[in-house]
Structure formats: structure tokens, C-alpha cells
Amino acid sequence: MFSSAFVQSKSMALFVFLGICLSCLIFFSLWNQHYDKKKLPPGPSPLPIFGNIFQVDIKNISKSLATLAKEYGPVFTLYLGMKPMVVLCGYETLKEALIDRGDEFSGKVESSLLSQASQGLGIVFSNGDRWKQMRRFSLTVLRSMGMGKKTIEDRIQEEVFYLLEALRKTNGSPCDPSLLLTCVPCNVISAIIFQHRFDYNDEVFQDFVKDFNRVIKILATRWAQLCSAYPVLYHLPGSLSAYVKCMTQQKTFILKEIKRHQESLNLSNPQDFIDHYLIKMEKEKQNKNSEFTMDNLIVTISDLFGAGTETTSSTIKYGLLLLMKYPEVTAKIQEEITRVIGRHRRPCMQDRNQMPYTDAVLHEIQRYIDFVPIPVPRKTTQDVEFRGYHIPKNTGVMTCLTSVLKDEKEFPHPEKFDPNHFLDKRGNFKKSDYFMAFSAGRRACIGENLARMEMFLVLTNILQHFTLKPLVDPEDIDTTPLQSGLLSLPPHYELCFIPV
């Protein structure tokens, strides 16, 4: 009796096992049929559900893409989860897609963590006509308020003055510069959007600034990258709690400023970005389809702060670390500062043309750290025939900036920090089309010009007034990024600012 039951049980287990195997075979067959019909560029064969996730090192995605590009070419398909992602590598490929055919590759996917919060609003993650309207309006207002002109330089100079005062108060003691370096670009943006700056000791402002740092760290985690591949994970209880908390606090801060503007708004005399936007809202209040809504204003402000704050401050922080690691580079910059500017006059943007070595170092810092190796994926806005391949409308497109910034043909020693990458044989600054630190085309970083000005003015002012003293021997300084997934965050460190 027992034997019979055992045989039946064994037969049932075998039947279930065979059923599972058959189901898997059918699933694989259906998947492959679906996969083949796409007629996308070649790439590694994906697994059902998981796609190519096991063939990508989340710790260093750009390195994985570079390896796959060697096998499949500069245009290949990768499945991160169930959806295909066309990967573009190399300067010529990115130039053709992002610059020459920018409109066709100008969409933004909605699966990233940031896009979940923006809900398709603002500048960074909006698409279609909404994106065009928000981008056009924002650029027009920012330019009218001096973006890229002398007036915005004056705002940066004012903020640099407060930074130098704060650094002097450290009295040459070891300090972590992260918060102060974030306050500078954040206050510059604040002056444009809110018409006023905040004291560095303002606790509410400090929390606002710290939230940017928290968000950037969350975005760099493996969990955030996994959620981008599998958006269903966003719905797990508690999975987004830290991120939601940061975004809620930022929204509260922004809403408070908007309310203050609403109470004092003069329709004939706008003072800042919010005033211009509120006036535009008033003009379009009869238009039911207007894109100029309160929700869009909040996200747009958040986008402007996000684009112009943490990326700039992290780059400057990384730059200081590299300058301590290579004191001979720092000495050459300080010699150039003394020769061109002197000890008492403030550096200004006009000086940059006379300071080729400093300009080269600034470019090399951005090239070397490769802060955003893989920007937030784009998507095609229409069916695209690209380099012999058919890419359907709304297909995700991943651009590997590392493949350009670390191109060994353009930069002979791509893994080495070497300002000579941007200098000719006579010591003059050498421009490179391969410098895509801000991406390229119409979806390039909207705050590029502002960031360039801030990095030059902040670093030259610091080196004019202080000697950078590391806490360890320069040879022992580790410049390995804290994380190297979608973002390359600078490692934690302290230093001493010694007045000169």
C-alpha cells in the first residue's frame, strides 16, 4: 500500500516537473519569437523576465557596456528586464544620434526613480510639446536674468565671497567640504528662482541642501538601478520611503517660496523665475490645456535645482581631491593664477582665456571622474532607421558617455588624470569634441554654462586664497569613486584649508 502511494507520488512529481519544463520551453519559445520580431540591433540573448541583467555589472555598468560593445559593435540591444534598451557607444555614434538626429532621440523614458517623482512634468523627464514649452520658457527666462552673462557671474562672485569666509572660519582645521560646496551652486540657483540667497547656517536651507545629496546617493544605489529595470518594485512597501521623504521635504520648501511670491507678485515687474512663471500662468488661465500649472512649476523648479546643484558641487569636491592627489598640478594652477590675476584681484571669467592650464585641468577633472557615465535613458520619438537597424518608436536608448570620455584614440591615457589631454604642444588649450561631460544635443544639461562658470570661479578663488592640505600623504589618497553605477560619486574625505 505504502509502495503504491510512493509510486503514485513519484509519478505525480515527475508529471509536475515535466509540466514545468514544458511551460518553460513554451515561454522561451514565445519570448524568442517576440524578441526576434523586434528586428532591433544585435545583442546578447536575453532570459525571460530577467533579460540581460546577469550580464551587466551593476557596480560598473559602463564597463559592462564597453565589453559588450567590443562583441556586438557600437549599437546593440540590451534587455534590462522585459523591455529592450538600445545602447549607443562611441563618439561618432553618439554624435549622429544626439546631435545630427537629435529630435528622433529626444524622448525620455519614465522608468527611472526621478521620473516616478516628476510624473512627466518639468524639464528633465517631460516629453513632446510639454517638454518643448517648458524648456523654451525656462531658457528664455534664465537668459533674461543673465544666465551666461556678466550679471550671473556677479551672483556667483557674491556666493564665492561667502564660501571663502566660511572656509577661513575653519582655521585650517580638518573639515569635510561637502555641505559648503553644495551651498554655493544651490544659493546661485536660489537667487535666480527665489530672488534671494540663504545663510549657510539656516537649518531649513541646510536640510534642503542635504536632501539633494541624499537623493543623489539613493539614485546611485543598486536598488534604484534595479527598480529602473523592474518598475513593479516601486510598489513594494517601504522601497521608496527615504526617497519620498526627501522629495516631500523639497516640495514643501519650494511651495513655501511660491506662496510668498504669490502674495507679493507684481504682474508688471517680475523679479525672478517664479514671478515670470506665475505671470505666464495668469495669462493662460483660460486655456484648459495649458502646460503652465502649479504642479509643473514645482517640478520645473526642482529640476533646475537638481541640474545645477549636486552635480556641480560633487565635481568641485572631486576636483579638490584630485588636486591634493597631484600637488604638481595644483602648483601649476596657482602659478598661473599669480601670473594672470595676482594675489588681490578676484578671478573673473575673462581670465579663463588667459589661463589655458587651469582650463585644461577643469576639463580633465570632468573627463576623468566621468560623473554621469550613463545618463538617464532617452527614447525614440518615432520609428528610426539607424545605421542599418530599425528602432521602433518609444524604444529606450542608453548612451554610454564613458565610451567617449575614455576613448583612447582621443585621450592617449584615458584612465590617467592628465591635463595634457586638453593641451597642445605649445601649452595652449585644446578643445575636444569628445568632451561630452554634459551629454550632447537638445537634451544636454540645461545648466552647462552655469556649471562651467561656477567650477572655474570656485576653484580659482579657493586656490588663490588657500593651500590644500590633505590628511594623508598624496600618494595614499584614494580617488576611487564611492559608487560607480549610473553615477560616480566622490569618496568621503577631509582636508585643511590653509590661508596663504
Protein backbone atom coordinates (compact mmCIF):
# COMPACT_ATOMS: atom_id res chain seq x y z
CA MET A 1 0.00 0.00 0.00
CA PHE A 2 2.80 2.34 1.01
CA SER A 3 4.78 1.33 -2.07
CA SER A 4 1.82 2.08 -4.34
CA ALA A 5 1.33 5.50 -2.77
CA PHE A 6 5.04 6.19 -3.10
CA VAL A 7 4.97 5.26 -6.81
CA GLN A 8 1.93 7.48 -7.38
CA SER A 9 3.60 10.33 -5.54
CA LYS A 10 6.79 9.89 -7.55
CA SER A 11 4.82 9.75 -10.80
CA MET A 12 2.94 12.94 -9.84
CA ALA A 13 6.23 14.75 -9.04
CA LEU A 14 7.64 13.67 -12.38
CA PHE A 15 4.48 14.86 -14.15
CA VAL A 16 4.71 18.25 -12.41
CA PHE A 17 8.40 18.51 -13.26
CA LEU A 18 7.75 17.72 -16.92
CA GLY A 19 4.88 20.21 -16.93
CA ILE A 20 7.16 22.93 -15.59
CA CYS A 21 9.82 22.09 -18.15
CA LEU A 22 7.27 22.17 -20.98
CA SER A 23 5.91 25.51 -19.73
CA CYS A 24 9.42 26.93 -19.62
CA LEU A 25 10.09 25.72 -23.18
CA ILE A 26 6.87 27.30 -24.42
CA PHE A 27 7.70 30.51 -22.55
CA PHE A 28 11.20 30.58 -24.01
CA SER A 29 9.75 29.97 -27.48
CA LEU A 30 7.21 32.78 -27.16
CA TRP A 31 9.88 35.08 -25.74
CA ASN A 32 12.29 34.36 -28.57
CA GLN A 33 9.54 34.92 -31.16
CA HIS A 34 8.72 38.25 -29.52
CA TYR A 35 12.39 39.13 -29.26
CA ASP A 36 13.18 38.22 -32.88
CA LYS A 37 10.26 40.19 -34.30
CA LYS A 38 11.65 43.39 -32.89
CA LYS A 39 14.38 43.45 -35.56
CA LEU A 40 16.45 45.53 -33.19
CA PRO A 41 20.26 45.78 -33.30
CA PRO A 42 22.06 42.58 -32.23
CA GLY A 43 22.92 41.86 -28.64
CA PRO A 44 23.26 39.11 -26.05
CA SER A 45 20.30 36.71 -25.93
CA PRO A 46 18.01 37.71 -23.05
CA LEU A 47 16.42 35.45 -20.47
CA PRO A 48 12.66 35.63 -19.91
CA ILE A 49 11.74 38.19 -17.25
CA PHE A 50 15.38 38.81 -16.28
CA GLY A 51 16.61 39.87 -19.70
CA ASN A 52 20.38 40.51 -19.67
CA ILE A 53 20.52 41.63 -16.06
CA PHE A 54 23.02 38.90 -15.15
CA GLN A 55 25.38 40.04 -17.92
CA VAL A 56 25.68 43.56 -16.54
CA ASP A 57 27.78 44.51 -13.53
CA ILE A 58 25.58 47.00 -11.67
CA LYS A 59 28.65 48.21 -9.79
CA ASN A 60 30.17 49.37 -13.07
CA ILE A 61 27.59 49.43 -15.84
CA SER A 62 29.71 51.45 -18.26
CA LYS A 63 32.50 48.85 -18.10
CA SER A 64 29.98 46.09 -18.90
CA LEU A 65 28.64 48.07 -21.85
CA ALA A 66 32.18 48.64 -23.15
CA THR A 67 32.80 44.88 -23.03
CA LEU A 68 29.56 44.12 -24.88
CA ALA A 69 30.33 46.82 -27.48
CA LYS A 70 33.55 45.01 -28.38
CA GLU A 71 31.48 41.94 -29.25
CA TYR A 72 28.36 43.46 -30.79
CA GLY A 73 29.54 46.83 -32.06
CA PRO A 74 28.72 50.45 -31.09
CA VAL A 75 24.96 49.89 -31.47
CA PHE A 76 23.48 46.88 -29.70
CA THR A 77 20.38 45.82 -27.78
CA LEU A 78 20.26 45.03 -24.10
CA TYR A 79 17.27 43.83 -22.10
CA LEU A 80 17.14 45.19 -18.58
CA GLY A 81 14.06 43.28 -17.52
CA MET A 82 11.41 42.70 -20.19
CA LYS A 83 11.95 45.88 -22.19
CA PRO A 84 14.66 46.34 -24.82
CA MET A 85 17.20 49.12 -24.48
CA VAL A 86 19.31 50.14 -27.47
CA VAL A 87 22.82 51.04 -26.31
CA LEU A 88 24.92 53.62 -28.18
CA CYS A 89 28.70 53.74 -27.70
CA GLY A 90 31.49 55.81 -29.20
CA TYR A 91 31.77 59.44 -30.32
CA GLU A 92 30.61 59.02 -33.91
CA THR A 93 27.54 57.03 -32.85
CA LEU A 94 26.53 59.47 -30.10
CA LYS A 95 27.13 62.48 -32.32
CA GLU A 96 24.92 61.08 -35.06
CA ALA A 97 22.11 60.17 -32.65
CA LEU A 98 22.18 63.08 -30.18
CA ILE A 99 23.30 65.96 -32.37
CA ASP A 100 22.72 65.17 -36.05
CA ARG A 101 19.40 63.40 -35.39
CA GLY A 102 18.61 64.88 -32.01
CA ASP A 103 14.84 65.16 -32.48
CA GLU A 104 14.46 61.44 -33.16
CA PHE A 105 16.30 60.57 -29.93
CA SER A 106 14.92 63.38 -27.73
CA GLY A 107 12.36 61.44 -25.66
CA LYS A 108 12.91 60.43 -22.05
CA VAL A 109 11.90 57.08 -20.53
CA GLU A 110 9.63 57.05 -17.49
CA SER A 111 11.09 54.11 -15.58
CA SER A 112 13.80 55.82 -13.51
CA LEU A 113 13.33 56.82 -9.88
CA LEU A 114 13.42 60.55 -10.66
CA SER A 115 10.85 60.18 -13.41
CA GLN A 116 8.50 58.47 -10.95
CA ALA A 117 8.51 61.60 -8.82
CA SER A 118 8.19 64.07 -11.70
CA GLN A 119 5.24 62.23 -13.30
CA GLY A 120 6.23 63.50 -16.73
CA LEU A 121 6.28 67.16 -15.62
CA GLY A 122 9.08 69.72 -15.57
CA ILE A 123 12.03 69.84 -17.98
CA VAL A 124 14.14 66.76 -17.42
CA PHE A 125 11.53 63.99 -17.76
CA SER A 126 8.77 65.61 -19.79
CA ASN A 127 8.22 64.70 -23.42
CA GLY A 128 6.69 66.08 -26.59
CA ASP A 129 5.14 69.53 -26.65
CA ARG A 130 5.23 69.86 -22.85
CA TRP A 131 9.00 69.43 -22.84
CA LYS A 132 9.43 71.91 -25.69
CA GLN A 133 7.29 74.53 -23.93
CA MET A 134 8.94 74.11 -20.52
CA ARG A 135 12.44 74.10 -21.96
CA ARG A 136 11.83 77.12 -24.21
CA PHE A 137 10.21 79.11 -21.41
CA SER A 138 12.91 78.25 -18.87
CA LEU A 139 15.80 79.08 -21.18
CA THR A 140 14.18 82.37 -22.19
CA VAL A 141 13.65 83.45 -18.58
CA LEU A 142 17.09 82.29 -17.43
CA ARG A 143 18.77 84.20 -20.26
CA SER A 144 16.74 87.31 -19.50
CA MET A 145 18.02 87.09 -15.94
CA GLY A 146 21.64 86.95 -17.02
CA MET A 147 22.41 83.25 -17.49
CA GLY A 148 25.76 83.10 -19.27
CA LYS A 149 26.24 86.85 -18.88
CA LYS A 150 28.04 89.23 -16.51
CA THR A 151 25.03 89.51 -14.19
CA ILE A 152 25.07 85.80 -13.33
CA GLU A 153 28.84 85.97 -12.86
CA ASP A 154 28.25 88.68 -10.25
CA ARG A 155 25.89 86.36 -8.39
CA ILE A 156 28.49 83.60 -8.39
CA GLN A 157 31.18 86.03 -7.21
CA GLU A 158 28.96 87.07 -4.32
CA GLU A 159 28.45 83.47 -3.31
CA VAL A 160 32.16 82.70 -3.60
CA PHE A 161 32.84 85.54 -1.15
CA TYR A 162 30.62 83.84 1.45
CA LEU A 163 32.31 80.50 0.72
CA LEU A 164 35.78 81.94 1.33
CA GLU A 165 34.61 83.48 4.59
CA ALA A 166 33.24 80.11 5.73
CA LEU A 167 36.49 78.36 4.80
CA ARG A 168 38.52 80.92 6.77
CA LYS A 169 36.42 80.13 9.83
CA THR A 170 37.68 76.55 9.75
CA ASN A 171 41.04 77.99 10.92
CA GLY A 172 42.96 75.41 8.97
CA SER A 173 41.35 72.53 10.87
CA PRO A 174 40.30 69.32 9.08
CA CYS A 175 36.83 69.62 7.56
CA ASP A 176 34.51 67.89 5.13
CA PRO A 177 33.77 70.50 2.40
CA SER A 178 30.67 68.73 1.06
CA LEU A 179 27.96 70.92 2.62
CA LEU A 180 29.66 74.24 1.86
CA LEU A 181 30.37 73.24 -1.73
CA THR A 182 26.72 72.30 -2.22
CA CYS A 183 25.50 75.56 -0.67
CA VAL A 184 27.31 77.63 -3.32
CA PRO A 185 25.54 76.44 -6.51
CA CYS A 186 22.30 75.96 -4.58
CA ASN A 187 22.35 79.61 -3.49
CA VAL A 188 23.18 80.77 -7.03
CA ILE A 189 20.12 78.93 -8.34
CA SER A 190 18.11 80.25 -5.38
CA ALA A 191 18.98 83.82 -6.30
CA ILE A 192 17.68 83.22 -9.83
CA ILE A 193 14.49 81.41 -8.82
CA PHE A 194 13.67 82.95 -5.40
CA GLN A 195 15.47 86.34 -5.73
CA HIS A 196 17.39 85.80 -2.51
CA ARG A 197 20.11 83.63 -1.00
CA PHE A 198 20.16 81.76 2.30
CA ASP A 199 22.63 81.91 5.14
CA TYR A 200 24.78 78.78 5.34
CA ASN A 201 23.71 78.32 8.97
CA ASP A 202 19.98 78.41 8.13
CA GLU A 203 18.82 74.96 9.31
CA VAL A 204 15.89 74.81 6.88
CA PHE A 205 18.22 75.65 3.99
CA GLN A 206 20.75 73.10 5.22
CA ASP A 207 18.08 70.40 5.19
CA PHE A 208 17.09 71.44 1.67
CA VAL A 209 20.72 71.21 0.53
CA LYS A 210 21.30 67.89 2.30
CA ASP A 211 18.24 66.41 0.59
CA PHE A 212 19.96 66.87 -2.79
CA ASN A 213 22.92 64.88 -1.51
CA ARG A 214 20.64 62.17 -0.11
CA VAL A 215 18.72 61.91 -3.39
CA ILE A 216 21.89 61.62 -5.48
CA LYS A 217 23.16 58.83 -3.22
CA ILE A 218 19.84 56.98 -3.47
CA LEU A 219 19.91 57.27 -7.26
CA ALA A 220 23.37 55.72 -7.31
CA THR A 221 22.35 52.63 -5.33
CA ARG A 222 21.93 49.21 -6.89
CA TRP A 223 18.32 49.16 -5.65
CA ALA A 224 17.44 52.30 -7.64
CA GLN A 225 19.02 50.78 -10.75
CA LEU A 226 17.14 47.53 -10.20
CA CYS A 227 13.87 49.45 -9.82
CA SER A 228 14.52 51.19 -13.15
CA ALA A 229 14.74 47.78 -14.82
CA TYR A 230 11.71 46.42 -12.91
CA PRO A 231 9.33 49.34 -12.15
CA VAL A 232 6.99 46.93 -10.32
CA LEU A 233 9.49 47.07 -7.43
CA TYR A 234 8.47 50.68 -6.80
CA HIS A 235 5.22 49.35 -5.35
CA LEU A 236 6.88 47.27 -2.64
CA PRO A 237 6.10 48.68 0.84
CA GLY A 238 8.88 50.92 2.07
CA SER A 239 11.02 50.62 -1.06
CA LEU A 240 10.87 54.36 -1.75
CA SER A 241 10.39 55.72 1.77
CA ALA A 242 13.75 57.53 2.03
CA TYR A 243 13.43 58.97 -1.47
CA VAL A 244 9.81 60.05 -0.97
CA LYS A 245 10.75 61.75 2.30
CA CYS A 246 13.47 63.80 0.60
CA MET A 247 11.24 64.80 -2.31
CA THR A 248 8.36 65.73 0.03
CA GLN A 249 10.63 67.97 2.08
CA GLN A 250 11.94 69.65 -1.05
CA LYS A 251 8.40 70.20 -2.33
CA THR A 252 7.39 71.79 0.99
CA PHE A 253 10.39 74.14 0.80
CA ILE A 254 9.54 75.15 -2.78
CA LEU A 255 5.82 75.60 -2.07
CA LYS A 256 6.63 77.97 0.78
CA GLU A 257 8.64 80.14 -1.60
CA ILE A 258 5.90 80.04 -4.26
CA LYS A 259 3.30 81.14 -1.73
CA ARG A 260 5.50 84.07 -0.71
CA HIS A 261 5.75 85.09 -4.37
CA GLN A 262 2.01 84.83 -4.90
CA GLU A 263 1.41 87.25 -2.05
CA SER A 264 3.83 89.87 -3.38
CA LEU A 265 3.50 89.35 -7.14
CA ASN A 266 3.65 92.46 -9.32
CA LEU A 267 2.35 91.47 -12.76
CA SER A 268 4.22 94.31 -14.47
CA ASN A 269 7.54 93.83 -12.71
CA PRO A 270 8.70 90.21 -12.41
CA GLN A 271 11.78 89.80 -10.21
CA ASP A 272 12.73 86.17 -10.65
CA PHE A 273 11.88 82.87 -12.29
CA ILE A 274 8.80 82.20 -10.12
CA ASP A 275 7.37 85.65 -10.88
CA HIS A 276 7.78 85.08 -14.62
CA TYR A 277 6.09 81.69 -14.34
CA LEU A 278 3.16 82.97 -12.24
CA ILE A 279 2.58 85.75 -14.78
CA LYS A 280 2.57 83.17 -17.56
CA MET A 281 0.04 81.11 -15.58
CA GLU A 282 -2.18 84.17 -15.23
CA LYS A 283 -2.06 84.85 -18.97
CA GLU A 284 -3.04 81.25 -19.76
CA LYS A 285 -5.64 80.72 -17.04
CA GLN A 286 -8.42 80.48 -19.67
CA ASN A 287 -6.53 77.76 -21.55
CA LYS A 288 -7.69 74.43 -20.13
CA ASN A 289 -4.82 72.64 -21.86
CA SER A 290 -2.13 74.99 -20.62
CA GLU A 291 1.10 73.35 -19.51
CA PHE A 292 1.73 76.18 -17.06
CA THR A 293 0.25 74.65 -13.93
CA MET A 294 1.29 74.75 -10.29
CA ASP A 295 2.42 71.12 -10.37
CA ASN A 296 4.56 71.82 -13.41
CA LEU A 297 6.11 74.83 -11.67
CA ILE A 298 7.10 72.77 -8.62
CA VAL A 299 8.75 70.04 -10.71
CA THR A 300 10.45 72.58 -13.00
CA ILE A 301 11.99 74.35 -10.01
CA SER A 302 13.10 71.01 -8.61
CA ASP A 303 14.66 70.15 -12.00
CA LEU A 304 16.58 73.44 -12.12
CA PHE A 305 17.95 72.92 -8.63
CA GLY A 306 18.77 69.30 -9.36
CA ALA A 307 20.57 70.12 -12.61
CA GLY A 308 22.56 72.97 -11.10
CA THR A 309 23.40 71.87 -7.57
CA GLU A 310 24.64 68.39 -6.69
CA THR A 311 26.40 67.60 -9.98
CA THR A 312 28.40 70.85 -9.80
CA SER A 313 29.27 70.55 -6.12
CA SER A 314 30.26 66.87 -6.47
CA THR A 315 32.51 67.74 -9.41
CA ILE A 316 34.22 70.51 -7.42
CA LYS A 317 34.58 68.18 -4.42
CA TYR A 318 36.12 65.51 -6.64
CA GLY A 319 38.34 68.19 -8.18
CA LEU A 320 39.76 69.21 -4.79
CA LEU A 321 40.58 65.58 -4.06
CA LEU A 322 42.45 65.24 -7.36
CA LEU A 323 44.34 68.49 -6.74
CA MET A 324 45.55 67.10 -3.41
CA LYS A 325 46.49 63.83 -5.08
CA TYR A 326 48.54 65.69 -7.69
CA PRO A 327 50.18 68.68 -5.92
CA GLU A 328 52.31 69.41 -9.01
CA VAL A 329 49.09 70.18 -10.92
CA THR A 330 47.89 72.45 -8.11
CA ALA A 331 51.22 74.29 -8.10
CA LYS A 332 50.95 74.99 -11.85
CA ILE A 333 47.41 76.36 -11.44
CA GLN A 334 48.50 78.62 -8.58
CA GLU A 335 51.45 79.85 -10.63
CA GLU A 336 49.04 80.70 -13.46
CA ILE A 337 46.71 82.47 -11.01
CA THR A 338 49.59 84.56 -9.65
CA ARG A 339 50.81 85.47 -13.15
CA VAL A 340 47.45 86.30 -14.72
CA ILE A 341 45.35 87.52 -11.78
CA GLY A 342 47.69 88.27 -8.89
CA ARG A 343 47.03 87.87 -5.17
CA HIS A 344 44.48 90.61 -4.58
CA ARG A 345 42.15 90.90 -7.59
CA ARG A 346 39.24 88.49 -7.81
CA PRO A 347 39.34 85.93 -10.63
CA CYS A 348 36.74 86.61 -13.33
CA MET A 349 35.54 84.69 -16.37
CA GLN A 350 37.62 86.85 -18.73
CA ASP A 351 40.72 85.44 -17.07
CA ARG A 352 39.90 81.95 -18.28
CA ASN A 353 41.05 82.75 -21.82
CA GLN A 354 44.48 83.63 -20.43
CA MET A 355 44.70 80.50 -18.25
CA PRO A 356 44.98 77.51 -20.61
CA TYR A 357 46.44 75.17 -18.00
CA THR A 358 43.66 75.85 -15.49
CA ASP A 359 41.07 75.42 -18.25
CA ALA A 360 42.66 72.11 -19.22
CA VAL A 361 42.63 70.90 -15.61
CA LEU A 362 38.94 71.73 -15.24
CA HIS A 363 38.11 69.76 -18.38
CA GLU A 364 40.32 66.87 -17.30
CA ILE A 365 38.63 66.72 -13.89
CA GLN A 366 35.26 66.28 -15.57
CA ARG A 367 36.59 63.81 -18.13
CA TYR A 368 38.46 61.74 -15.57
CA ILE A 369 35.73 61.45 -12.91
CA ASP A 370 33.07 60.71 -15.55
CA PHE A 371 30.38 61.80 -13.08
CA VAL A 372 27.43 60.57 -15.15
CA PRO A 373 28.75 57.56 -17.12
CA ILE A 374 25.24 56.55 -18.19
CA PRO A 375 22.71 59.44 -18.32
CA VAL A 376 19.03 58.76 -17.71
CA PRO A 377 17.91 56.77 -20.79
CA ARG A 378 16.22 58.51 -23.67
CA LYS A 379 13.67 57.05 -26.06
CA THR A 380 12.93 57.40 -29.74
CA THR A 381 10.13 59.79 -30.66
CA GLN A 382 9.35 57.93 -33.89
CA ASP A 383 10.34 54.81 -35.81
CA VAL A 384 14.03 55.25 -36.59
CA GLU A 385 16.29 53.67 -39.19
CA PHE A 386 19.71 54.00 -37.63
CA ARG A 387 22.92 52.54 -39.03
CA GLY A 388 21.07 49.77 -40.81
CA TYR A 389 18.85 48.88 -37.84
CA HIS A 390 15.17 49.51 -37.20
CA ILE A 391 14.40 51.06 -33.83
CA PRO A 392 10.65 51.35 -33.13
CA LYS A 393 9.09 54.44 -31.65
CA ASN A 394 9.32 54.71 -27.82
CA THR A 395 12.26 52.29 -27.61
CA GLY A 396 14.60 53.10 -24.73
CA VAL A 397 18.05 54.38 -25.72
CA MET A 398 21.04 54.24 -23.38
CA THR A 399 24.02 56.49 -24.20
CA CYS A 400 27.40 55.47 -22.80
CA LEU A 401 29.30 58.73 -22.23
CA THR A 402 32.24 56.80 -20.79
CA SER A 403 32.94 55.37 -24.23
CA VAL A 404 33.56 58.94 -25.43
CA LEU A 405 35.28 60.47 -22.40
CA LYS A 406 37.60 57.46 -22.10
CA ASP A 407 38.26 56.99 -25.82
CA GLU A 408 41.95 56.05 -26.02
CA LYS A 409 42.33 57.40 -29.56
CA GLU A 410 41.34 60.90 -28.42
CA PHE A 411 42.82 60.64 -24.92
CA PRO A 412 46.01 58.53 -25.06
CA HIS A 413 45.90 57.63 -21.36
CA PRO A 414 42.15 57.54 -20.61
CA GLU A 415 42.46 56.00 -17.13
CA LYS A 416 45.12 58.50 -16.06
CA PHE A 417 44.47 62.02 -14.73
CA ASP A 418 46.44 64.11 -17.22
CA PRO A 419 45.65 67.78 -18.06
CA ASN A 420 47.78 67.36 -21.21
CA HIS A 421 44.75 65.68 -22.75
CA PHE A 422 43.46 69.23 -23.31
CA LEU A 423 46.73 70.99 -24.16
CA ASP A 424 48.59 71.20 -27.46
CA LYS A 425 52.39 71.02 -27.80
CA ARG A 426 52.68 74.77 -27.18
CA GLY A 427 50.71 74.62 -23.96
CA ASN A 428 47.57 76.20 -25.45
CA PHE A 429 44.14 74.90 -24.52
CA LYS A 430 42.98 72.23 -26.99
CA LYS A 431 39.25 71.86 -27.45
CA SER A 432 37.90 68.34 -27.96
CA ASP A 433 34.58 67.36 -29.50
CA TYR A 434 34.83 64.21 -27.38
CA PHE A 435 34.24 66.26 -24.23
CA MET A 436 30.63 65.23 -23.56
CA ALA A 437 30.60 65.57 -19.78
CA PHE A 438 27.24 67.36 -20.03
CA SER A 439 25.90 64.95 -22.68
CA ALA A 440 25.07 66.47 -26.07
CA GLY A 441 22.24 67.74 -28.24
CA ARG A 442 18.93 69.21 -27.18
CA ARG A 443 18.72 67.03 -24.08
CA ALA A 444 22.13 68.12 -22.81
CA CYS A 445 22.29 69.56 -19.29
CA ILE A 446 20.42 72.87 -19.23
CA GLY A 447 22.81 74.22 -16.59
CA GLU A 448 26.04 73.56 -18.53
CA ASN A 449 27.15 77.19 -18.91
CA LEU A 450 26.34 77.98 -15.30
CA ALA A 451 28.25 74.93 -14.08
CA ARG A 452 31.32 75.87 -16.13
CA MET A 453 31.35 79.36 -14.60
CA GLU A 454 30.88 78.07 -11.06
CA MET A 455 33.64 75.48 -11.32
CA PHE A 456 36.15 77.99 -12.66
CA LEU A 457 35.34 80.75 -10.19
CA VAL A 458 35.09 78.49 -7.13
CA LEU A 459 38.32 76.55 -7.75
CA THR A 460 40.43 79.56 -8.78
CA ASN A 461 39.26 81.58 -5.78
CA ILE A 462 39.99 78.71 -3.40
CA LEU A 463 43.47 78.18 -4.82
CA GLN A 464 44.16 81.92 -4.78
CA HIS A 465 43.46 82.13 -1.04
CA PHE A 466 44.28 78.70 0.36
CA THR A 467 46.73 75.84 0.25
CA LEU A 468 45.03 72.45 0.18
CA LYS A 469 46.48 70.21 2.88
CA PRO A 470 45.45 66.52 2.81
CA LEU A 471 45.34 64.45 6.00
CA VAL A 472 47.40 61.69 4.38
CA ASP A 473 50.33 61.54 2.01
CA PRO A 474 49.22 62.46 -1.55
CA GLU A 475 50.37 59.05 -2.79
CA ASP A 476 47.95 57.40 -0.33
CA ILE A 477 44.92 59.39 -1.47
CA ASP A 478 42.34 57.07 -2.99
CA THR A 479 40.33 58.68 -5.81
CA THR A 480 38.18 55.60 -6.46
CA PRO A 481 34.52 56.69 -6.66
CA LEU A 482 32.27 55.86 -3.74
CA GLN A 483 29.86 54.29 -6.22
CA SER A 484 30.26 53.74 -9.94
CA GLY A 485 26.90 52.67 -11.28
CA LEU A 486 24.85 55.34 -13.03
CA LEU A 487 26.79 57.99 -11.07
CA SER A 488 30.43 58.22 -9.98
CA LEU A 489 30.23 59.81 -6.54
CA PRO A 490 33.39 61.19 -4.90
CA PRO A 491 34.66 59.30 -1.84
CA HIS A 492 34.40 60.77 1.64
CA TYR A 493 37.42 62.79 2.73
CA GLU A 494 38.55 65.72 4.86
CA LEU A 495 41.19 68.34 4.23
CA CYS A 496 42.62 71.52 5.71
CA PHE A 497 42.27 74.91 4.01
CA ILE A 498 45.45 76.77 4.98
CA PRO A 499 45.30 80.54 4.26
CA VAL A 500 48.14 81.84 2.07
